[in-house]
Amino acid sequence: QVQLVESGGGLVQAGGSLRLSCAGAGRTFSSYGIGWFRQAPGKEREFVAAISWTGARPNYADSVKGRFTISRDNSENAVYLQMNSLKPEDTAVYYCAARILAGGTQASGYDYWGQGTQVTVSS
């Protein structure tokens, strides 16, 4: 089992940057693929980015490709989401999630979720 805690959200102007962190508790964190998802008010949760347990093969939603970067530091039990060139439509609660080995794009494939962190981008 792994526990996840997100941090780093906040209010930023359009064009700005934020770095989200997903801290994992548990000895086997390095065995899990991690995904970032987001949910805006009145919308379904959507995939943002994912990374495998080795850090290889990062995967991004088309809407964030070229602006967001996912990375991980298994020595720190952490996964990061660097978000640049933020847009108002990026406003949402951002969640990290864990599944064994590989990251994936489907929320239903993840076993563990954090509580979320709010990102608000003003125009």
N, C-alpha and C. Protein backbone atom coordinates (compact mmCIF):
# COMPACT_ATOMS: atom_id res chain seq x y z
N GLN A 1 0.85 -1.18 0.00
CA GLN A 1 0.00 0.00 0.00
C GLN A 1 0.89 1.24 0.00
N VAL A 2 0.37 2.32 -0.60
CA VAL A 2 1.12 3.56 -0.65
C VAL A 2 0.16 4.71 -0.38
N GLN A 3 0.62 5.67 0.38
CA GLN A 3 -0.15 6.88 0.64
C GLN A 3 0.46 8.04 -0.15
N LEU A 4 -0.39 8.88 -0.71
CA LEU A 4 0.05 9.97 -1.57
C LEU A 4 -0.46 11.30 -1.04
N VAL A 5 0.41 12.31 -1.07
CA VAL A 5 0.04 13.65 -0.64
C VAL A 5 0.54 14.65 -1.68
N GLU A 6 -0.39 15.41 -2.25
CA GLU A 6 -0.03 16.43 -3.23
C GLU A 6 0.21 17.77 -2.53
N SER A 7 1.07 18.57 -3.14
CA SER A 7 1.31 19.93 -2.66
C SER A 7 1.78 20.77 -3.83
N GLY A 8 1.80 22.09 -3.61
CA GLY A 8 2.33 22.99 -4.62
C GLY A 8 1.30 23.76 -5.41
N GLY A 9 0.04 23.48 -5.17
CA GLY A 9 -1.00 24.22 -5.88
C GLY A 9 -1.08 25.66 -5.39
N GLY A 10 -1.87 26.46 -6.10
CA GLY A 10 -2.05 27.85 -5.71
C GLY A 10 -2.67 28.65 -6.81
N LEU A 11 -2.61 29.97 -6.63
CA LEU A 11 -3.17 30.91 -7.60
C LEU A 11 -2.02 31.52 -8.40
N VAL A 12 -2.15 31.52 -9.71
CA VAL A 12 -1.11 32.05 -10.57
C VAL A 12 -1.77 32.73 -11.77
N GLN A 13 -1.10 33.73 -12.31
CA GLN A 13 -1.62 34.39 -13.49
C GLN A 13 -1.34 33.56 -14.74
N ALA A 14 -2.15 33.78 -15.75
CA ALA A 14 -1.93 33.09 -17.03
C ALA A 14 -0.52 33.37 -17.53
N GLY A 15 0.13 32.33 -18.03
CA GLY A 15 1.50 32.43 -18.48
C GLY A 15 2.52 32.08 -17.42
N GLY A 16 2.06 31.95 -16.19
CA GLY A 16 2.95 31.62 -15.09
C GLY A 16 3.22 30.14 -14.97
N SER A 17 3.93 29.79 -13.90
CA SER A 17 4.35 28.41 -13.67
C SER A 17 4.06 27.98 -12.24
N LEU A 18 3.85 26.70 -12.09
CA LEU A 18 3.73 26.06 -10.77
C LEU A 18 4.41 24.70 -10.85
N ARG A 19 4.89 24.24 -9.72
CA ARG A 19 5.44 22.88 -9.64
C ARG A 19 4.69 22.12 -8.57
N LEU A 20 3.98 21.09 -9.00
CA LEU A 20 3.26 20.24 -8.06
C LEU A 20 4.15 19.09 -7.63
N SER A 21 3.98 18.68 -6.38
CA SER A 21 4.71 17.54 -5.85
C SER A 21 3.72 16.49 -5.38
N CYS A 22 4.10 15.26 -5.54
CA CYS A 22 3.34 14.12 -5.04
C CYS A 22 4.29 13.31 -4.18
N ALA A 23 4.08 13.38 -2.88
CA ALA A 23 4.94 12.66 -1.95
C ALA A 23 4.31 11.32 -1.61
N GLY A 24 5.11 10.29 -1.71
CA GLY A 24 4.62 8.95 -1.44
C GLY A 24 5.18 8.40 -0.14
N ALA A 25 4.32 7.75 0.63
CA ALA A 25 4.75 7.08 1.86
C ALA A 25 4.57 5.58 1.66
N GLY A 26 5.60 4.84 1.98
CA GLY A 26 5.56 3.40 1.78
C GLY A 26 6.85 2.93 1.15
N ARG A 27 7.30 1.76 1.56
CA ARG A 27 8.60 1.27 1.11
C ARG A 27 8.64 0.93 -0.36
N THR A 28 7.47 0.68 -0.97
CA THR A 28 7.45 0.22 -2.35
C THR A 28 7.06 1.31 -3.33
N PHE A 29 7.17 2.58 -2.92
CA PHE A 29 6.77 3.68 -3.80
C PHE A 29 7.46 3.59 -5.14
N SER A 30 8.72 3.21 -5.16
CA SER A 30 9.49 3.16 -6.40
C SER A 30 8.98 2.08 -7.36
N SER A 31 8.10 1.21 -6.90
CA SER A 31 7.54 0.16 -7.76
C SER A 31 6.26 0.60 -8.46
N TYR A 32 5.83 1.82 -8.20
CA TYR A 32 4.55 2.28 -8.73
C TYR A 32 4.72 3.29 -9.85
N GLY A 33 3.92 3.10 -10.89
CA GLY A 33 3.74 4.16 -11.85
C GLY A 33 2.83 5.22 -11.25
N ILE A 34 3.08 6.48 -11.60
CA ILE A 34 2.32 7.58 -11.03
C ILE A 34 1.67 8.39 -12.16
N GLY A 35 0.43 8.72 -11.95
CA GLY A 35 -0.28 9.57 -12.88
C GLY A 35 -0.78 10.83 -12.22
N TRP A 36 -0.86 11.88 -13.00
CA TRP A 36 -1.51 13.12 -12.56
C TRP A 36 -2.83 13.25 -13.33
N PHE A 37 -3.87 13.56 -12.61
CA PHE A 37 -5.18 13.81 -13.18
C PHE A 37 -5.69 15.14 -12.65
N ARG A 38 -6.69 15.69 -13.31
CA ARG A 38 -7.27 16.93 -12.82
C ARG A 38 -8.78 16.90 -13.03
N GLN A 39 -9.46 17.67 -12.19
CA GLN A 39 -10.92 17.76 -12.29
C GLN A 39 -11.35 19.19 -12.04
N ALA A 40 -11.98 19.76 -13.04
CA ALA A 40 -12.52 21.10 -12.93
C ALA A 40 -13.99 21.01 -12.50
N PRO A 41 -14.53 22.08 -11.91
CA PRO A 41 -15.93 22.04 -11.47
C PRO A 41 -16.87 21.69 -12.62
N GLY A 42 -17.74 20.73 -12.36
CA GLY A 42 -18.72 20.33 -13.36
C GLY A 42 -18.20 19.46 -14.47
N LYS A 43 -16.92 19.07 -14.38
CA LYS A 43 -16.32 18.26 -15.44
C LYS A 43 -15.82 16.94 -14.86
N GLU A 44 -15.62 15.98 -15.75
CA GLU A 44 -15.09 14.70 -15.32
C GLU A 44 -13.57 14.81 -15.08
N ARG A 45 -13.08 13.89 -14.27
CA ARG A 45 -11.65 13.83 -14.03
C ARG A 45 -10.95 13.44 -15.32
N GLU A 46 -9.86 14.14 -15.64
CA GLU A 46 -9.17 13.85 -16.88
C GLU A 46 -7.68 13.61 -16.65
N PHE A 47 -7.13 12.82 -17.53
CA PHE A 47 -5.70 12.50 -17.49
C PHE A 47 -4.87 13.71 -17.86
N VAL A 48 -3.74 13.88 -17.14
CA VAL A 48 -2.81 14.96 -17.45
C VAL A 48 -1.46 14.41 -17.89
N ALA A 49 -0.86 13.56 -17.05
CA ALA A 49 0.48 13.02 -17.36
C ALA A 49 0.70 11.79 -16.51
N ALA A 50 1.62 10.94 -16.96
CA ALA A 50 1.95 9.73 -16.21
C ALA A 50 3.40 9.36 -16.46
N ILE A 51 3.96 8.63 -15.50
CA ILE A 51 5.34 8.19 -15.59
C ILE A 51 5.45 6.80 -15.00
N SER A 52 6.27 5.96 -15.60
CA SER A 52 6.41 4.60 -15.12
C SER A 52 7.30 4.55 -13.88
N TRP A 53 7.41 3.38 -13.30
CA TRP A 53 8.17 3.22 -12.05
C TRP A 53 9.66 3.52 -12.25
N THR A 54 10.16 3.37 -13.46
CA THR A 54 11.57 3.66 -13.73
C THR A 54 11.79 5.12 -14.10
N GLY A 55 10.72 5.83 -14.35
CA GLY A 55 10.86 7.21 -14.83
C GLY A 55 10.90 7.31 -16.35
N ALA A 56 10.84 6.18 -16.99
CA ALA A 56 10.87 6.17 -18.45
C ALA A 56 9.46 6.36 -19.00
N ARG A 57 9.38 6.62 -20.27
CA ARG A 57 8.12 6.69 -21.01
C ARG A 57 7.10 7.63 -20.38
N PRO A 58 7.44 8.88 -20.12
CA PRO A 58 6.41 9.80 -19.69
C PRO A 58 5.36 9.98 -20.78
N ASN A 59 4.14 10.19 -20.34
CA ASN A 59 3.01 10.27 -21.25
C ASN A 59 2.20 11.50 -20.88
N TYR A 60 1.73 12.25 -21.87
CA TYR A 60 1.03 13.51 -21.62
C TYR A 60 -0.27 13.59 -22.40
N ALA A 61 -1.22 14.27 -21.82
CA ALA A 61 -2.42 14.63 -22.57
C ALA A 61 -2.05 15.67 -23.61
N ASP A 62 -2.73 15.65 -24.72
CA ASP A 62 -2.42 16.61 -25.79
C ASP A 62 -2.55 18.05 -25.31
N SER A 63 -3.46 18.29 -24.40
CA SER A 63 -3.72 19.65 -23.95
C SER A 63 -2.58 20.25 -23.14
N VAL A 64 -1.67 19.41 -22.64
CA VAL A 64 -0.57 19.92 -21.81
C VAL A 64 0.79 19.63 -22.42
N LYS A 65 0.83 18.89 -23.50
CA LYS A 65 2.09 18.50 -24.12
C LYS A 65 2.88 19.76 -24.52
N GLY A 66 4.15 19.77 -24.15
CA GLY A 66 5.00 20.92 -24.45
C GLY A 66 4.98 21.99 -23.36
N ARG A 67 4.04 21.89 -22.44
CA ARG A 67 3.95 22.88 -21.35
C ARG A 67 4.22 22.25 -19.99
N PHE A 68 3.80 21.00 -19.81
CA PHE A 68 3.96 20.31 -18.53
C PHE A 68 5.05 19.24 -18.67
N THR A 69 5.77 19.01 -17.56
CA THR A 69 6.78 17.97 -17.53
C THR A 69 6.63 17.17 -16.24
N ILE A 70 6.53 15.85 -16.39
CA ILE A 70 6.45 14.97 -15.22
C ILE A 70 7.81 14.34 -15.00
N SER A 71 8.20 14.22 -13.74
CA SER A 71 9.48 13.60 -13.39
C SER A 71 9.34 12.94 -12.03
N ARG A 72 10.31 12.12 -11.69
CA ARG A 72 10.25 11.47 -10.39
C ARG A 72 11.65 11.34 -9.81
N ASP A 73 11.71 11.30 -8.49
CA ASP A 73 12.93 11.07 -7.75
C ASP A 73 12.62 9.98 -6.73
N ASN A 74 12.96 8.75 -7.07
CA ASN A 74 12.61 7.63 -6.19
C ASN A 74 13.40 7.67 -4.88
N SER A 75 14.54 8.33 -4.87
CA SER A 75 15.29 8.46 -3.62
C SER A 75 14.57 9.35 -2.63
N GLU A 76 13.70 10.23 -3.15
CA GLU A 76 12.89 11.13 -2.32
C GLU A 76 11.44 10.68 -2.22
N ASN A 77 11.11 9.55 -2.85
CA ASN A 77 9.71 9.08 -2.89
C ASN A 77 8.78 10.20 -3.37
N ALA A 78 9.15 10.81 -4.49
CA ALA A 78 8.39 11.95 -4.97
C ALA A 78 8.27 11.94 -6.49
N VAL A 79 7.16 12.46 -6.94
CA VAL A 79 6.91 12.71 -8.35
C VAL A 79 6.50 14.16 -8.49
N TYR A 80 6.97 14.79 -9.55
CA TYR A 80 6.73 16.21 -9.75
C TYR A 80 6.00 16.47 -11.06
N LEU A 81 5.26 17.55 -11.07
CA LEU A 81 4.62 18.02 -12.31
C LEU A 81 4.96 19.49 -12.45
N GLN A 82 5.89 19.78 -13.35
CA GLN A 82 6.25 21.16 -13.65
C GLN A 82 5.28 21.69 -14.70
N MET A 83 4.59 22.76 -14.35
CA MET A 83 3.56 23.31 -15.24
C MET A 83 3.97 24.72 -15.64
N ASN A 84 4.23 24.90 -16.91
CA ASN A 84 4.62 26.20 -17.46
C ASN A 84 3.56 26.71 -18.41
N SER A 85 3.63 27.99 -18.71
CA SER A 85 2.69 28.61 -19.65
C SER A 85 1.26 28.27 -19.30
N LEU A 86 0.92 28.42 -18.05
CA LEU A 86 -0.40 28.03 -17.58
C LEU A 86 -1.49 28.88 -18.20
N LYS A 87 -2.64 28.24 -18.41
CA LYS A 87 -3.80 28.88 -19.02
C LYS A 87 -4.98 28.80 -18.05
N PRO A 88 -5.94 29.69 -18.17
CA PRO A 88 -7.13 29.61 -17.30
C PRO A 88 -7.81 28.25 -17.36
N GLU A 89 -7.79 27.60 -18.51
CA GLU A 89 -8.42 26.29 -18.63
C GLU A 89 -7.66 25.18 -17.91
N ASP A 90 -6.49 25.49 -17.37
CA ASP A 90 -5.78 24.52 -16.53
C ASP A 90 -6.29 24.53 -15.10
N THR A 91 -7.17 25.46 -14.78
CA THR A 91 -7.73 25.55 -13.43
C THR A 91 -8.50 24.27 -13.08
N ALA A 92 -8.12 23.65 -11.97
CA ALA A 92 -8.74 22.39 -11.55
C ALA A 92 -8.10 21.95 -10.23
N VAL A 93 -8.69 20.93 -9.65
CA VAL A 93 -8.02 20.20 -8.58
C VAL A 93 -7.17 19.12 -9.23
N TYR A 94 -5.91 19.09 -8.85
CA TYR A 94 -4.97 18.13 -9.42
C TYR A 94 -4.71 17.01 -8.42
N TYR A 95 -4.80 15.79 -8.92
CA TYR A 95 -4.61 14.60 -8.11
C TYR A 95 -3.45 13.77 -8.65
N CYS A 96 -2.68 13.17 -7.76
CA CYS A 96 -1.75 12.14 -8.20
C CYS A 96 -2.30 10.78 -7.77
N ALA A 97 -1.94 9.78 -8.53
CA ALA A 97 -2.46 8.44 -8.31
C ALA A 97 -1.36 7.43 -8.62
N ALA A 98 -1.46 6.25 -8.01
CA ALA A 98 -0.44 5.23 -8.15
C ALA A 98 -1.02 3.91 -8.61
N ARG A 99 -0.28 3.23 -9.46
CA ARG A 99 -0.60 1.87 -9.87
C ARG A 99 0.73 1.14 -10.06
N ILE A 100 0.69 -0.16 -9.95
CA ILE A 100 1.92 -0.94 -10.02
C ILE A 100 2.61 -0.78 -11.37
N LEU A 101 3.89 -0.47 -11.32
CA LEU A 101 4.83 -0.44 -12.43
C LEU A 101 4.58 0.69 -13.44
N ALA A 102 3.59 0.57 -14.27
CA ALA A 102 3.45 1.51 -15.38
C ALA A 102 2.40 2.56 -15.10
N GLY A 103 2.62 3.76 -15.58
CA GLY A 103 1.58 4.76 -15.56
C GLY A 103 0.62 4.51 -16.71
N GLY A 104 -0.57 5.02 -16.63
CA GLY A 104 -1.56 4.84 -17.68
C GLY A 104 -2.45 6.05 -17.75
N THR A 105 -3.31 6.10 -18.76
CA THR A 105 -4.15 7.27 -18.97
C THR A 105 -5.55 7.15 -18.38
N GLN A 106 -5.92 5.95 -17.94
CA GLN A 106 -7.26 5.74 -17.43
C GLN A 106 -7.28 5.80 -15.91
N ALA A 107 -8.13 6.66 -15.36
CA ALA A 107 -8.21 6.81 -13.91
C ALA A 107 -8.60 5.49 -13.24
N SER A 108 -9.42 4.70 -13.90
CA SER A 108 -9.89 3.46 -13.31
C SER A 108 -8.78 2.45 -13.10
N GLY A 109 -7.64 2.65 -13.73
CA GLY A 109 -6.53 1.73 -13.59
C GLY A 109 -5.65 1.97 -12.38
N TYR A 110 -5.91 3.04 -11.67
CA TYR A 110 -5.08 3.41 -10.52
C TYR A 110 -5.71 2.94 -9.21
N ASP A 111 -4.84 2.53 -8.30
CA ASP A 111 -5.30 1.93 -7.06
C ASP A 111 -5.32 2.89 -5.88
N TYR A 112 -4.44 3.88 -5.89
CA TYR A 112 -4.30 4.78 -4.75
C TYR A 112 -4.31 6.22 -5.26
N TRP A 113 -4.96 7.08 -4.47
CA TRP A 113 -5.14 8.48 -4.85
C TRP A 113 -4.79 9.39 -3.67
N GLY A 114 -4.26 10.56 -4.02
CA GLY A 114 -4.09 11.60 -3.02
C GLY A 114 -5.36 12.41 -2.87
N GLN A 115 -5.30 13.41 -2.01
CA GLN A 115 -6.50 14.21 -1.70
C GLN A 115 -6.68 15.38 -2.65
N GLY A 116 -5.67 15.69 -3.43
CA GLY A 116 -5.77 16.75 -4.42
C GLY A 116 -5.22 18.08 -3.95
N THR A 117 -4.81 18.90 -4.92
CA THR A 117 -4.35 20.25 -4.64
C THR A 117 -4.94 21.18 -5.69
N GLN A 118 -5.42 22.33 -5.24
CA GLN A 118 -6.12 23.25 -6.13
C GLN A 118 -5.12 24.11 -6.91
N VAL A 119 -5.34 24.18 -8.21
CA VAL A 119 -4.59 25.09 -9.08
C VAL A 119 -5.59 26.04 -9.72
N THR A 120 -5.36 27.33 -9.54
CA THR A 120 -6.22 28.34 -10.13
C THR A 120 -5.38 29.29 -10.97
N VAL A 121 -5.75 29.42 -12.24
CA VAL A 121 -5.03 30.28 -13.17
C VAL A 121 -5.95 31.43 -13.56
N SER A 122 -5.53 32.63 -13.23
CA SER A 122 -6.35 33.80 -13.54
C SER A 122 -5.95 34.39 -14.89
N SER A 123 -6.93 34.97 -15.54
CA SER A 123 -6.66 35.54 -16.87
C SER A 123 -6.24 37.00 -16.79
